[in-house]
Protein backbone atom coordinates (compact mmCIF):
# COMPACT_ATOMS: atom_id res chain seq x y z
CA MET A 1 6.51 12.00 0.72
CA ARG A 2 6.05 13.09 -2.83
CA ASN A 3 5.77 9.95 -5.61
CA SER A 4 8.98 11.22 -6.80
CA ASP A 5 10.86 11.37 -3.39
CA LEU A 6 9.79 7.95 -2.93
CA GLN A 7 10.63 6.26 -6.45
CA LEU A 8 13.95 7.83 -5.92
CA ALA A 9 14.32 6.15 -2.55
CA LEU A 10 13.33 2.81 -3.45
CA SER A 11 15.81 3.13 -6.60
CA SER A 12 18.45 3.33 -3.95
CA LEU A 13 18.03 -0.02 -2.46
CA GLY A 14 19.02 -3.19 -3.82
CA ILE A 15 16.88 -6.11 -5.40
CA GLU A 16 16.61 -7.96 -2.14
CA GLU A 17 15.54 -5.05 -0.15
CA ARG A 18 12.80 -4.16 -2.32
CA ILE A 19 11.49 -7.80 -2.46
CA GLU A 20 11.67 -7.61 1.58
CA LEU A 21 9.94 -4.26 1.43
CA ALA A 22 7.37 -5.22 -1.04
CA VAL A 23 6.63 -8.30 1.05
CA LYS A 24 6.22 -6.16 4.23
CA LEU A 25 4.17 -3.88 2.80
CA TRP A 26 1.83 -6.68 1.32
CA ASP A 27 1.68 -8.10 5.03
CA SER A 28 0.69 -4.56 6.17
CA ILE A 29 -2.28 -4.57 3.53
CA ALA A 30 -3.66 -7.87 4.46
CA LEU A 31 -3.52 -7.16 8.19
CA ASP A 32 -5.50 -4.16 7.55
CA ALA A 33 -7.89 -6.00 5.04
CA GLU A 34 -8.47 -8.60 7.39
CA SER A 35 -9.36 -5.93 10.33
CA GLN A 36 -11.60 -4.35 7.94
CA GLY A 37 -13.26 -7.68 6.63
CA LEU A 38 -14.06 -8.65 3.15
CA GLY A 39 -16.62 -6.88 0.68
CA GLU A 40 -18.90 -8.82 -1.38
CA ARG A 41 -16.63 -8.54 -4.32
CA GLU A 42 -13.46 -9.96 -2.39
CA GLN A 43 -15.76 -12.54 -1.15
CA ARG A 44 -16.51 -13.79 -4.55
CA GLU A 45 -12.87 -13.62 -5.83
CA ILE A 46 -12.04 -15.95 -3.38
CA VAL A 47 -14.73 -18.13 -4.31
CA LEU A 48 -13.88 -18.14 -7.74
CA ARG A 49 -10.04 -18.73 -6.96
CA ARG A 50 -10.97 -21.49 -4.58
CA ALA A 51 -12.94 -23.33 -7.35
CA GLU A 52 -10.08 -22.51 -10.11
CA HIS A 53 -7.59 -24.22 -7.52
CA ARG A 54 -10.02 -27.43 -7.08
CA THR A 55 -9.97 -27.80 -10.90
CA ASP A 56 -6.31 -28.09 -10.98
CA VAL A 57 -4.43 -28.54 -7.74
CA GLN A 58 -1.27 -29.39 -9.36
CA ALA A 59 -0.68 -25.81 -10.63
CA VAL A 60 -0.04 -24.51 -7.31
CA VAL A 61 3.41 -23.58 -6.43
CA PRO A 62 4.21 -22.89 -2.79
CA TRP A 63 5.18 -19.69 -1.66
CA SER A 64 8.45 -21.31 -0.27
CA GLN A 65 9.27 -22.29 -3.67
CA VAL A 66 8.35 -18.97 -5.48
CA LYS A 67 10.55 -17.01 -2.85
CA ALA A 68 13.54 -19.18 -3.21
CA SER A 69 13.76 -18.88 -6.88
CA LEU A 70 13.67 -15.00 -6.14
CA LYS A 71 17.08 -15.19 -4.58
CA PRO A 72 20.18 -14.80 -6.31
């Protein structure tokens, strides 16, 4: 499918459908990434993000809250 065809198909979807599609796409990427293992760059990024999280634990917003805020 060409990029322009994909954009046209996506524009015909409603917001909720596009969000659902994005979540499914992201989940499929995550599964592939898990099966391939993490590279050195990704491992460094995880270490960095964990360190940032530990310095400000209160800054975390649970996914359920983020997801609920996206619904109309």
